[in-house]
C-alpha atoms as a PDB file:
ATOM      1  CA  MET A   1     239.455  83.225  97.714  1.00  0.00           C
ATOM      2  CA  LEU A   2     235.905  83.833  96.820  1.00  0.00           C
ATOM      3  CA  PRO A   3     234.749  83.273  93.207  1.00  0.00           C
ATOM      4  CA  ASP A   4     234.471  86.092  90.799  1.00  0.00           C
ATOM      5  CA  PHE A   5     231.161  88.030  90.630  1.00  0.00           C
ATOM      6  CA  ARG A   6     229.557  89.195  87.357  1.00  0.00           C
ATOM      7  CA  ILE A   7     228.262  92.775  87.484  1.00  0.00           C
ATOM      8  CA  ARG A   8     225.126  91.574  85.370  1.00  0.00           C
ATOM      9  CA  ALA A   9     224.182  89.109  88.171  1.00  0.00           C
ATOM     10  CA  LEU A  10     224.237  92.032  90.615  1.00  0.00           C
ATOM     11  CA  LEU A  11     222.034  94.497  88.758  1.00  0.00           C
ATOM     12  CA  ASN A  12     218.802  92.759  90.432  1.00  0.00           C
ATOM     13  CA  SER A  13     219.972  94.390  93.709  1.00  0.00           C
ATOM     14  CA  PRO A  14     217.909  97.307  95.128  1.00  0.00           C
ATOM     15  CA  VAL A  15     220.880  99.496  95.042  1.00  0.00           C
ATOM     16  CA  PRO A  16     221.444 100.998  91.515  1.00  0.00           C
ATOM     17  CA  LEU A  17     224.673 100.001  89.778  1.00  0.00           C
ATOM     18  CA  VAL A  18     225.976 101.441  86.590  1.00  0.00           C
ATOM     19  CA  THR A  19     229.646 100.787  85.856  1.00  0.00           C
ATOM     20  CA  PRO A  20     230.410 101.766  82.144  1.00  0.00           C
ATOM     21  CA  TRP A  21     233.978 102.356  83.378  1.00  0.00           C
ATOM     22  CA  ALA A  22     234.644  98.594  84.334  1.00  0.00           C
ATOM     23  CA  ASN A  23     234.558  95.285  82.687  1.00  0.00           C
ATOM     24  CA  LYS A  24     231.700  92.874  83.580  1.00  0.00           C
ATOM     25  CA  ILE A  25     233.763  90.838  86.236  1.00  0.00           C
ATOM     26  CA  ILE A  26     234.731  91.931  89.583  1.00  0.00           C
ATOM     27  CA  ARG A  27     237.247  89.832  91.606  1.00  0.00           C
ATOM     28  CA  LEU A  28     236.394  89.641  95.241  1.00  0.00           C
ATOM     29  CA  ILE A  29     239.312  88.316  97.435  1.00  0.00           C
ATOM     30  CA  PHE A  30     239.016  87.515 101.032  1.00  0.00           C
ATOM     31  CA  ILE A  31     242.114  88.808 103.135  1.00  0.00           C
ATOM     32  CA  GLY A  32     241.377  87.738 106.604  1.00  0.00           C
ATOM     33  CA  ILE A  33     239.715  88.717 109.913  1.00  0.00           C
ATOM     34  CA  ASP A  34     240.392  92.049 111.623  1.00  0.00           C
ATOM     35  CA  ARG A  35     240.231  90.822 115.165  1.00  0.00           C
ATOM     36  CA  ALA A  36     240.267  94.294 116.602  1.00  0.00           C
ATOM     37  CA  THR A  37     236.879  95.097 115.091  1.00  0.00           C
ATOM     38  CA  SER A  38     235.556  91.490 114.394  1.00  0.00           C
ATOM     39  CA  SER A  39     235.385  92.410 110.627  1.00  0.00           C
ATOM     40  CA  ALA A  40     235.980  90.417 107.483  1.00  0.00           C
ATOM     41  CA  VAL A  41     238.368  92.149 105.205  1.00  0.00           C
ATOM     42  CA  HIS A  42     237.944  91.745 101.314  1.00  0.00           C
ATOM     43  CA  ILE A  43     239.659  93.339  98.352  1.00  0.00           C
ATOM     44  CA  ALA A  44     237.621  93.916  95.290  1.00  0.00           C
ATOM     45  CA  VAL A  45     239.472  94.280  92.008  1.00  0.00           C
ATOM     46  CA  ALA A  46     237.889  95.731  88.865  1.00  0.00           C
ATOM     47  CA  LYS A  47     239.536  95.765  85.522  1.00  0.00           C
ATOM     48  CA  THR A  48     238.782  99.414  84.026  1.00  0.00           C
ATOM     49  CA  LYS A  49     238.253  99.952  80.495  1.00  0.00           C
ATOM     50  CA  ALA A  50     240.836 102.035  78.465  1.00  0.00           C
ATOM     51  CA  ASN A  51     240.898 105.758  78.466  1.00  0.00           C
ATOM     52  CA  VAL A  52     238.539 106.364  81.502  1.00  0.00           C
ATOM     53  CA  PRO A  53     238.244 110.059  82.320  1.00  0.00           C
ATOM     54  CA  GLY A  54     239.190 110.577  86.021  1.00  0.00           C
ATOM     55  CA  ILE A  55     240.925 107.287  86.794  1.00  0.00           C
ATOM     56  CA  LYS A  56     244.251 108.948  87.381  1.00  0.00           C
ATOM     57  CA  SER A  57     242.650 111.537  89.720  1.00  0.00           C
ATOM     58  CA  LEU A  58     240.966 108.643  91.532  1.00  0.00           C
ATOM     59  CA  ALA A  59     244.264 106.876  91.973  1.00  0.00           C
ATOM     60  CA  SER A  60     245.970 109.859  93.545  1.00  0.00           C
ATOM     61  CA  THR A  61     242.917 110.259  95.898  1.00  0.00           C
ATOM     62  CA  THR A  62     243.505 110.895  99.559  1.00  0.00           C
ATOM     63  CA  ASP A  63     241.151 107.944 100.247  1.00  0.00           C
ATOM     64  CA  SER A  64     243.628 105.158 100.935  1.00  0.00           C
ATOM     65  CA  SER A  65     241.077 102.445 100.556  1.00  0.00           C
ATOM     66  CA  VAL A  66     241.055 102.835  96.698  1.00  0.00           C
ATOM     67  CA  THR A  67     244.098 102.274  94.643  1.00  0.00           C
ATOM     68  CA  SER A  68     244.713 102.085  90.806  1.00  0.00           C
ATOM     69  CA  HIS A  69     247.488 100.275  88.855  1.00  0.00           C
ATOM     70  CA  PRO A  70     249.132 102.705  86.652  1.00  0.00           C
ATOM     71  CA  THR A  71     249.625 100.451  83.593  1.00  0.00           C
ATOM     72  CA  SER A  72     247.059  97.534  83.850  1.00  0.00           C
ATOM     73  CA  GLY A  73     244.087  99.926  84.659  1.00  0.00           C
ATOM     74  CA  ALA A  74     243.062  97.556  87.634  1.00  0.00           C
ATOM     75  CA  LEU A  75     241.155  99.434  90.277  1.00  0.00           C
ATOM     76  CA  ALA A  76     241.171  97.933  93.773  1.00  0.00           C
ATOM     77  CA  PHE A  77     239.305  98.843  96.896  1.00  0.00           C
ATOM     78  CA  ARG A  78     239.162  97.598 100.411  1.00  0.00           C
ATOM     79  CA  LEU A  79     235.893  96.430 102.036  1.00  0.00           C
ATOM     80  CA  THR A  80     235.255  95.574 105.726  1.00  0.00           C
ATOM     81  CA  ASN A  81     232.042  94.019 107.107  1.00  0.00           C
ATOM     82  CA  ARG A  82     231.090  92.482 110.401  1.00  0.00           C
ATOM     83  CA  VAL A  83     231.658  88.588 110.234  1.00  0.00           C
ATOM     84  CA  GLY A  84     228.440  86.900 109.140  1.00  0.00           C
ATOM     85  CA  LEU A  85     227.141  89.763 107.123  1.00  0.00           C
ATOM     86  CA  SER A  86     227.069  89.838 103.340  1.00  0.00           C
ATOM     87  CA  THR A  87     229.867  91.973 101.639  1.00  0.00           C
ATOM     88  CA  ILE A  88     227.757  92.468  98.551  1.00  0.00           C
ATOM     89  CA  PRO A  89     225.808  95.497  99.766  1.00  0.00           C
ATOM     90  CA  SER A  90     229.124  97.203 100.697  1.00  0.00           C
ATOM     91  CA  LEU A  91     230.476  96.232  97.239  1.00  0.00           C
ATOM     92  CA  LEU A  92     227.520  97.852  95.460  1.00  0.00           C
ATOM     93  CA  GLN A  93     227.698 101.037  97.574  1.00  0.00           C
ATOM     94  CA  ARG A  94     231.317 101.533  96.728  1.00  0.00           C
ATOM     95  CA  LEU A  95     230.772 100.890  93.193  1.00  0.00           C
ATOM     96  CA  ALA A  96     228.154 103.475  93.044  1.00  0.00           C
ATOM     97  CA  LYS A  97     230.385 106.059  94.946  1.00  0.00           C
ATOM     98  CA  ILE A  98     233.258 105.331  92.302  1.00  0.00           C
ATOM     99  CA  GLU A  99     230.703 105.817  89.434  1.00  0.00           C
ATOM    100  CA  ARG A 100     229.373 109.101  90.921  1.00  0.00           C
ATOM    101  CA  LEU A 101     232.905 110.465  91.447  1.00  0.00           C
ATOM    102  CA  LEU A 102     234.039 109.579  87.945  1.00  0.00           C
ATOM    103  CA  ARG A 103     231.072 111.125  86.492  1.00  0.00           C
ATOM    104  CA  ASN A 104     231.558 114.304  88.505  1.00  0.00           C
ATOM    105  CA  LEU A 105     235.225 114.366  87.435  1.00  0.00           C
ATOM    106  CA  SER A 106     234.437 114.019  83.753  1.00  0.00           C
ATOM    107  CA  ILE A 107     232.050 117.045  84.088  1.00  0.00           C
ATOM    108  CA  VAL A 108     234.609 119.183  85.770  1.00  0.00           C
ATOM    109  CA  GLN A 109     237.194 118.343  83.251  1.00  0.00           C
ATOM    110  CA  LYS A 110     234.758 119.070  80.414  1.00  0.00           C
ATOM    111  CA  HIS A 111     234.539 122.685  81.714  1.00  0.00           C
ATOM    112  CA  GLY A 112     238.340 123.079  81.754  1.00  0.00           C
ATOM    113  CA  CYS A 113     238.507 122.986  85.614  1.00  0.00           C
ATOM    114  CA  SER A 114     241.335 121.390  87.527  1.00  0.00           C
ATOM    115  CA  SER A 115     240.611 119.053  90.344  1.00  0.00           C
ATOM    116  CA  ASN A 116     242.504 119.633  93.605  1.00  0.00           C
ATOM    117  CA  ASP A 117     241.304 117.382  96.572  1.00  0.00           C
ATOM    118  CA  VAL A 118     239.577 114.119  95.467  1.00  0.00           C
ATOM    119  CA  SER A 119     237.896 111.455  97.455  1.00  0.00           C
ATOM    120  CA  LEU A 120     234.707 109.135  97.118  1.00  0.00           C
ATOM    121  CA  ASP A 121     232.820 111.665  99.228  1.00  0.00           C
ATOM    122  CA  HIS A 122     233.869 115.090  97.834  1.00  0.00           C
ATOM    123  CA  LEU A 123     235.531 116.781  94.944  1.00  0.00           C
ATOM    124  CA  SER A 124     237.409 120.218  95.100  1.00  0.00           C
ATOM    125  CA  PHE A 125     238.164 121.992  91.855  1.00  0.00           C
ATOM    126  CA  THR A 126     239.573 125.272  90.656  1.00  0.00           C
ATOM    127  CA  TYR A 127     237.062 127.051  88.063  1.00  0.00           C
ATOM    128  CA  ALA A 128     238.807 130.543  87.805  1.00  0.00           C
ATOM    129  CA  ASP A 129     242.504 131.745  87.914  1.00  0.00           C
ATOM    130  CA  SER A 130     241.861 135.466  87.311  1.00  0.00           C
ATOM    131  CA  PRO A 131     242.022 137.898  88.868  1.00  0.00           C
ATOM    132  CA  SER A 132     242.400 135.409  91.717  1.00  0.00           C
ATOM    133  CA  ARG A 133     242.108 131.528  92.119  1.00  0.00           C
ATOM    134  CA  LEU A 134     238.555 130.546  92.977  1.00  0.00           C
ATOM    135  CA  LYS A 135     237.713 126.983  94.187  1.00  0.00           C
ATOM    136  CA  ALA A 136     234.498 125.106  94.683  1.00  0.00           C
ATOM    137  CA  ARG A 137     233.660 121.862  96.586  1.00  0.00           C
ATOM    138  CA  ILE A 138     231.228 119.289  95.649  1.00  0.00           C
ATOM    139  CA  SER A 139     230.025 116.982  98.381  1.00  0.00           C
ATOM    140  CA  SER A 140     228.006 113.899  97.597  1.00  0.00           C
ATOM    141  CA  SER A 141     226.748 110.579  99.328  1.00  0.00           C
ATOM    142  CA  PRO A 142     224.150 107.969  98.250  1.00  0.00           C
ATOM    143  CA  GLU A 143     221.817 109.332 101.117  1.00  0.00           C
ATOM    144  CA  LYS A 144     222.050 113.038 100.396  1.00  0.00           C
ATOM    145  CA  PRO A 145     221.858 115.113  97.405  1.00  0.00           C
ATOM    146  CA  LEU A 146     224.842 117.024  95.801  1.00  0.00           C
ATOM    147  CA  HIS A 147     226.048 120.012  97.843  1.00  0.00           C
ATOM    148  CA  LEU A 148     228.110 122.942  96.685  1.00  0.00           C
ATOM    149  CA  SER A 149     230.373 125.050  98.937  1.00  0.00           C
ATOM    150  CA  PHE A 150     233.039 127.687  98.672  1.00  0.00           C
ATOM    151  CA  ASN A 151     235.989 129.026 100.717  1.00  0.00           C
ATOM    152  CA  HIS A 152     235.778 132.095 102.854  1.00  0.00           C
ATOM    153  CA  GLY A 153     236.176 135.226 100.685  1.00  0.00           C
ATOM    154  CA  ASN A 154     234.899 133.604  97.347  1.00  0.00           C
ATOM    155  CA  PRO A 155     232.586 136.083  95.694  1.00  0.00           C
ATOM    156  CA  HIS A 156     230.195 133.149  94.810  1.00  0.00           C
ATOM    157  CA  LEU A 157     229.272 132.844  98.351  1.00  0.00           C
ATOM    158  CA  ARG A 158     226.744 135.697  97.605  1.00  0.00           C
ATOM    159  CA  ILE A 159     224.718 133.393  95.354  1.00  0.00           C
ATOM    160  CA  GLN A 160     225.561 129.999  97.051  1.00  0.00           C
ATOM    161  CA  ASP A 161     222.157 129.396  98.188  1.00  0.00           C
ATOM    162  CA  LYS A 162     220.716 129.924  94.701  1.00  0.00           C
ATOM    163  CA  LEU A 163     223.314 127.485  93.077  1.00  0.00           C
ATOM    164  CA  VAL A 164     222.777 124.774  95.713  1.00  0.00           C
ATOM    165  CA  SER A 165     219.006 124.913  95.431  1.00  0.00           C
ATOM    166  CA  LEU A 166     219.245 124.723  91.632  1.00  0.00           C
ATOM    167  CA  MET A 167     221.763 121.689  91.919  1.00  0.00           C
ATOM    168  CA  GLN A 168     219.741 119.890  94.307  1.00  0.00           C
ATOM    169  CA  ALA A 169     216.506 120.405  92.375  1.00  0.00           C
ATOM    170  CA  THR A 170     218.088 119.328  88.993  1.00  0.00           C
ATOM    171  CA  GLN A 171     221.056 117.149  90.084  1.00  0.00           C
ATOM    172  CA  ASP A 172     222.589 118.859  87.076  1.00  0.00           C
ATOM    173  CA  LEU A 173     226.330 119.515  87.952  1.00  0.00           C
ATOM    174  CA  ASP A 174     227.115 120.351  84.313  1.00  0.00           C
ATOM    175  CA  ARG A 175     224.621 123.302  84.460  1.00  0.00           C
ATOM    176  CA  VAL A 176     225.915 124.644  87.807  1.00  0.00           C
ATOM    177  CA  ILE A 177     229.623 124.737  86.749  1.00  0.00           C
ATOM    178  CA  MET A 178     228.480 126.450  83.496  1.00  0.00           C
ATOM    179  CA  LEU A 179     226.713 129.087  85.755  1.00  0.00           C
ATOM    180  CA  LEU A 180     229.949 129.390  87.808  1.00  0.00           C
ATOM    181  CA  HIS A 181     231.733 130.659  84.742  1.00  0.00           C
ATOM    182  CA  LEU A 182     228.921 132.789  83.332  1.00  0.00           C
ATOM    183  CA  THR A 183     228.386 134.561  86.755  1.00  0.00           C
ATOM    184  CA  HIS A 184     232.051 134.841  87.456  1.00  0.00           C
ATOM    185  CA  PRO A 185     232.439 138.426  85.802  1.00  0.00           C
ATOM    186  CA  VAL A 186     229.388 139.690  87.673  1.00  0.00           C
ATOM    187  CA  MET A 187     230.610 138.414  91.194  1.00  0.00           C
ATOM    188  CA  VAL A 188     234.085 139.794  90.657  1.00  0.00           C
ATOM    189  CA  ALA A 189     232.882 143.062  89.283  1.00  0.00           C
ATOM    190  CA  TYR A 190     230.511 143.481  92.279  1.00  0.00           C
ATOM    191  CA  SER A 191     233.174 142.661  94.749  1.00  0.00           C
ATOM    192  CA  ASN A 192     235.472 145.444  93.267  1.00  0.00           C
ATOM    193  CA  LEU A 193     232.522 147.886  93.456  1.00  0.00           C
ATOM    194  CA  VAL A 194     232.081 147.127  97.121  1.00  0.00           C
ATOM    195  CA  ALA A 195     235.660 147.513  97.835  1.00  0.00           C
ATOM    196  CA  THR A 196     235.933 150.838  96.137  1.00  0.00           C
ATOM    197  CA  HIS A 197     232.504 152.327  97.056  1.00  0.00           C
ATOM    198  CA  THR A 198     233.071 154.404 100.210  1.00  0.00           C
ATOM    199  CA  ASN A 199     230.301 157.021  99.931  1.00  0.00           C
ATOM    200  CA  ASP A 200     227.310 154.502  99.562  1.00  0.00           C
ATOM    201  CA  LYS A 201     226.491 151.040 100.540  1.00  0.00           C
ATOM    202  CA  ILE A 202     225.905 148.747  97.470  1.00  0.00           C
ATOM    203  CA  THR A 203     223.887 145.522  97.749  1.00  0.00           C
ATOM    204  CA  LEU A 204     223.454 142.561  95.358  1.00  0.00           C
ATOM    205  CA  LEU A 205     220.165 140.957  95.711  1.00  0.00           C
ATOM    206  CA  PRO A 206     219.956 137.568  93.946  1.00  0.00           C
ATOM    207  CA  ARG A 207     216.538 136.949  92.433  1.00  0.00           C
ATOM    208  CA  SER A 208     217.959 133.598  91.048  1.00  0.00           C
ATOM    209  CA  ALA A 209     221.277 132.314  89.788  1.00  0.00           C
ATOM    210  CA  LEU A 210     220.628 134.137  86.559  1.00  0.00           C
ATOM    211  CA  TRP A 211     219.067 137.346  87.784  1.00  0.00           C
ATOM    212  CA  PHE A 212     220.361 139.987  90.304  1.00  0.00           C
ATOM    213  CA  GLN A 213     219.266 143.502  91.390  1.00  0.00           C
ATOM    214  CA  VAL A 214     221.894 145.926  92.295  1.00  0.00           C
ATOM    215  CA  ARG A 215     220.772 148.481  95.024  1.00  0.00           C
ATOM    216  CA  TYR A 216     222.432 151.532  96.458  1.00  0.00           C
ATOM    217  CA  GLU A 217     221.266 152.595  99.943  1.00  0.00           C
ATOM    218  CA  LYS A 218     222.193 156.176 100.102  1.00  0.00           C
ATOM    219  CA  SER A 219     221.476 157.261  96.494  1.00  0.00           C
ATOM    220  CA  LYS A 220     218.277 154.894  96.416  1.00  0.00           C
ATOM    221  CA  GLY A 221     219.475 153.927  92.803  1.00  0.00           C
ATOM    222  CA  ARG A 222     219.039 150.367  91.474  1.00  0.00           C
ATOM    223  CA  PHE A 223     219.118 148.328  88.347  1.00  0.00           C
ATOM    224  CA  ASP A 224     218.448 144.630  87.364  1.00  0.00           C
ATOM    225  CA  LEU A 225     221.116 142.516  85.776  1.00  0.00           C
ATOM    226  CA  LYS A 226     219.964 139.473  83.895  1.00  0.00           C
ATOM    227  CA  LEU A 227     221.802 136.673  81.879  1.00  0.00           C
ATOM    228  CA  ARG A 228     220.430 136.431  78.460  1.00  0.00           C
ATOM    229  CA  LYS A 229     221.372 134.691  75.182  1.00  0.00           C
ATOM    230  CA  ARG A 230     221.768 137.100  72.205  1.00  0.00           C
ATOM    231  CA  ARG A 231     222.589 135.656  68.778  1.00  0.00           C
ATOM    232  CA  GLY A 232     223.850 132.441  70.352  1.00  0.00           C
ATOM    233  CA  THR A 233     226.174 134.141  72.793  1.00  0.00           C
ATOM    234  CA  PHE A 234     225.557 134.457  76.645  1.00  0.00           C
ATOM    235  CA  MET A 235     225.526 138.260  77.626  1.00  0.00           C
ATOM    236  CA  TRP A 236     224.506 140.195  80.651  1.00  0.00           C
ATOM    237  CA  PHE A 237     221.676 142.689  80.231  1.00  0.00           C
ATOM    238  CA  ALA A 238     221.256 145.738  82.566  1.00  0.00           C
ATOM    239  CA  HIS A 239     217.835 147.250  82.675  1.00  0.00           C
ATOM    240  CA  HIS A 240     215.064 148.715  84.851  1.00  0.00           C
ATOM    241  CA  LEU A 241     217.385 151.438  85.770  1.00  0.00           C
ATOM    242  CA  GLU A 242     215.629 153.415  88.627  1.00  0.00           C
ATOM    243  CA  PHE A 243     216.501 156.186  91.017  1.00  0.00           C
ATOM    244  CA  PRO A 244     214.279 158.465  93.211  1.00  0.00           C
ATOM    245  CA  ARG A 245     212.138 161.078  91.504  1.00  0.00           C
ATOM    246  CA  ASN A 246     211.271 164.605  92.705  1.00  0.00           C
ATOM    247  CA  GLN A 247     214.949 165.255  93.698  1.00  0.00           C
ATOM    248  CA  SER A 248     217.009 168.158  92.480  1.00  0.00           C
ATOM    249  CA  HIS A 249     219.579 166.186  90.966  1.00  0.00           C
ATOM    250  CA  THR A 250     217.219 163.844  88.836  1.00  0.00           C
ATOM    251  CA  GLU A 251     217.654 165.866  85.690  1.00  0.00           C
ATOM    252  CA  ASP A 252     221.444 165.680  85.920  1.00  0.00           C
ATOM    253  CA  VAL A 253     221.271 161.915  86.415  1.00  0.00           C
ATOM    254  CA  GLU A 254     218.864 161.449  83.449  1.00  0.00           C
ATOM    255  CA  ASN A 255     221.275 163.534  81.198  1.00  0.00           C
ATOM    256  CA  ALA A 256     224.024 161.458  82.341  1.00  0.00           C
ATOM    257  CA  LEU A 257     222.189 158.279  81.381  1.00  0.00           C
ATOM    258  CA  ARG A 258     221.243 159.623  78.047  1.00  0.00           C
ATOM    259  CA  GLU A 259     224.940 160.363  77.469  1.00  0.00           C
ATOM    260  CA  LEU A 260     225.935 156.819  78.756  1.00  0.00           C
ATOM    261  CA  ALA A 261     223.259 155.461  76.357  1.00  0.00           C
ATOM    262  CA  LYS A 262     224.931 157.015  73.333  1.00  0.00           C
ATOM    263  CA  SER A 263     228.340 155.662  74.239  1.00  0.00           C
ATOM    264  CA  ARG A 264     229.951 152.206  73.555  1.00  0.00           C
ATOM    265  CA  GLY A 265     232.783 150.635  75.477  1.00  0.00           C
ATOM    266  CA  ASP A 266     235.048 147.515  75.325  1.00  0.00           C
ATOM    267  CA  GLY A 267     232.550 144.606  75.174  1.00  0.00           C
ATOM    268  CA  TRP A 268     229.413 146.516  75.958  1.00  0.00           C
ATOM    269  CA  HIS A 269     227.022 148.871  74.431  1.00  0.00           C
ATOM    270  CA  SER A 270     223.604 150.378  74.906  1.00  0.00           C
ATOM    271  CA  MET A 271     220.484 148.973  73.390  1.00  0.00           C
ATOM    272  CA  ARG A 272     216.666 149.378  73.689  1.00  0.00           C
ATOM    273  CA  GLY A 273     215.706 149.208  77.430  1.00  0.00           C
ATOM    274  CA  GLY A 274     219.225 149.201  78.801  1.00  0.00           C
ATOM    275  CA  PHE A 275     222.749 148.001  78.310  1.00  0.00           C
ATOM    276  CA  VAL A 276     224.145 144.727  77.283  1.00  0.00           C
ATOM    277  CA  ALA A 277     227.722 143.307  77.758  1.00  0.00           C
ATOM    278  CA  SER A 278     229.737 140.257  76.765  1.00  0.00           C
ATOM    279  CA  LEU A 279     231.186 138.235  79.665  1.00  0.00           C
ATOM    280  CA  ASP A 280     234.545 140.053  79.101  1.00  0.00           C
ATOM    281  CA  GLY A 281     232.758 143.381  79.071  1.00  0.00           C
ATOM    282  CA  THR A 282     230.611 142.972  82.019  1.00  0.00           C
ATOM    283  CA  ARG A 283     232.943 144.641  84.505  1.00  0.00           C
ATOM    284  CA  ALA A 284     233.376 147.734  82.391  1.00  0.00           C
ATOM    285  CA  MET A 285     229.608 148.031  81.886  1.00  0.00           C
ATOM    286  CA  LEU A 286     228.986 147.737  85.621  1.00  0.00           C
ATOM    287  CA  THR A 287     231.672 150.324  86.462  1.00  0.00           C
ATOM    288  CA  LYS A 288     230.010 152.831  84.014  1.00  0.00           C
ATOM    289  CA  LEU A 289     226.554 152.254  85.433  1.00  0.00           C
ATOM    290  CA  ASP A 290     227.896 152.657  88.951  1.00  0.00           C
ATOM    291  CA  GLU A 291     229.477 155.989  88.110  1.00  0.00           C
ATOM    292  CA  VAL A 292     226.029 157.358  87.217  1.00  0.00           C
ATOM    293  CA  VAL A 293     223.531 155.414  89.465  1.00  0.00           C
ATOM    294  CA  GLY A 294     225.717 154.923  92.443  1.00  0.00           C
ATOM    295  CA  ASN A 295     227.128 158.463  92.748  1.00  0.00           C
ATOM    296  CA  VAL A 296     223.869 160.291  93.340  1.00  0.00           C
ATOM    297  CA  GLU A 297     223.788 162.021  96.707  1.00  0.00           C
ATOM    298  CA  ASP A 298     220.334 161.400  98.511  1.00  0.00           C
ATOM    299  CA  VAL A 299     218.422 164.571  99.274  1.00  0.00           C
ATOM    300  CA  GLU A 300     215.137 162.968 100.992  1.00  0.00           C
ATOM    301  CA  SER A 301     213.635 159.590 101.110  1.00  0.00           C
ATOM    302  CA  VAL A 302     211.027 159.357  98.254  1.00  0.00           C
ATOM    303  CA  PRO A 303     209.182 156.294  96.645  1.00  0.00           C
ATOM    304  CA  MET A 304     211.048 154.607  93.804  1.00  0.00           C
ATOM    305  CA  SER A 305     209.485 154.909  90.280  1.00  0.00           C
ATOM    306  CA  SER A 306     207.645 151.892  89.028  1.00  0.00           C
ATOM    307  CA  PRO A 307     209.528 149.458  86.690  1.00  0.00           C
ATOM    308  CA  ARG A 308     208.844 149.964  82.969  1.00  0.00           C
ATOM    309  CA  GLY A 309     208.401 147.285  80.516  1.00  0.00           C
ATOM    310  CA  LYS A 310     206.859 143.881  79.969  1.00  0.00           C
ATOM    311  CA  LYS A 311     206.195 141.284  82.618  1.00  0.00           C
ATOM    312  CA  ARG A 312     209.419 139.673  83.843  1.00  0.00           C
ATOM    313  CA  LYS A 313     210.307 136.051  82.840  1.00  0.00           C
ATOM    314  CA  ALA A 314     210.649 133.155  85.270  1.00  0.00           C
ATOM    315  CA  ASP A 315     213.570 133.498  87.551  1.00  0.00           C
ATOM    316  CA  THR A 316     215.669 130.558  86.076  1.00  0.00           C
ATOM    317  CA  GLU A 317     214.809 131.163  82.423  1.00  0.00           C
ATOM    318  CA  VAL A 318     217.479 132.344  80.141  1.00  0.00           C
ATOM    319  CA  VAL A 319     215.738 134.744  77.757  1.00  0.00           C
ATOM    320  CA  VAL A 320     216.793 135.001  74.215  1.00  0.00           C
ATOM    321  CA  ILE A 321     217.039 138.509  72.780  1.00  0.00           C
ATOM    322  CA  GLU A 322     217.788 139.559  69.248  1.00  0.00           C
END
């Protein structure tokens, strides 16, 4: 048996080590030699502190090299190194992986998501149950930045690149999961419009993770959809409604938009410059806009009208409106 190591003594290592979930002493036990691989086998045991978020999920991980005692809170993991090489670098890397996984698990649980598949290198979780169950997968390693992926058919695949870019630029998983919840009604509503739109091709163009443009190929109509915060509440604001001018049906469309501007639906209403909806009312608002902008039959190809209003804000900025 090798002597115990104090975490404080290992902090001078070039590998960063932060272990608020464990006590200061790690017990390193020599098990023997694996002759098939000429490797020395050690077991590292760390006594965890009480009420550590994610320890139960880590204990049930598919990674068989990590186990946890259900009552004592002891966490043990297996380390293998070629004979003659120090085990300490492997110990530090494993501790860093455990720390990163527990941090990601605590963020996932903070947002009310349930974890599914858990290992030291990835974490799969469910972030929506209605109208269908949606899952996301976080992959991480000391050498690579966080990566986010979705299963086939997930509506968030349409903005996956924007979400991944944001997460890798900021390393802010908390913000990305929040955006999954905030953009969920838009992604689901758009998927429903695509499925029901038989007379026109509808496209969602992501400007950022917070700003989209909805375009109609046949009718040449389009509008912007941007996440804004109004009186302390996140809402979706539809504005810059445009469609081709110099068409015989333009007056009918404008009349329809004026009538729509006077109406109010469940969770949405008109306001100066467009329409605003709560998260629950976003689908109804997009359906109403689609009935007007998306059902204009094209007569001829003509230039679009120029957008009206002030200069647009930065792509990733959440604008506060009152």
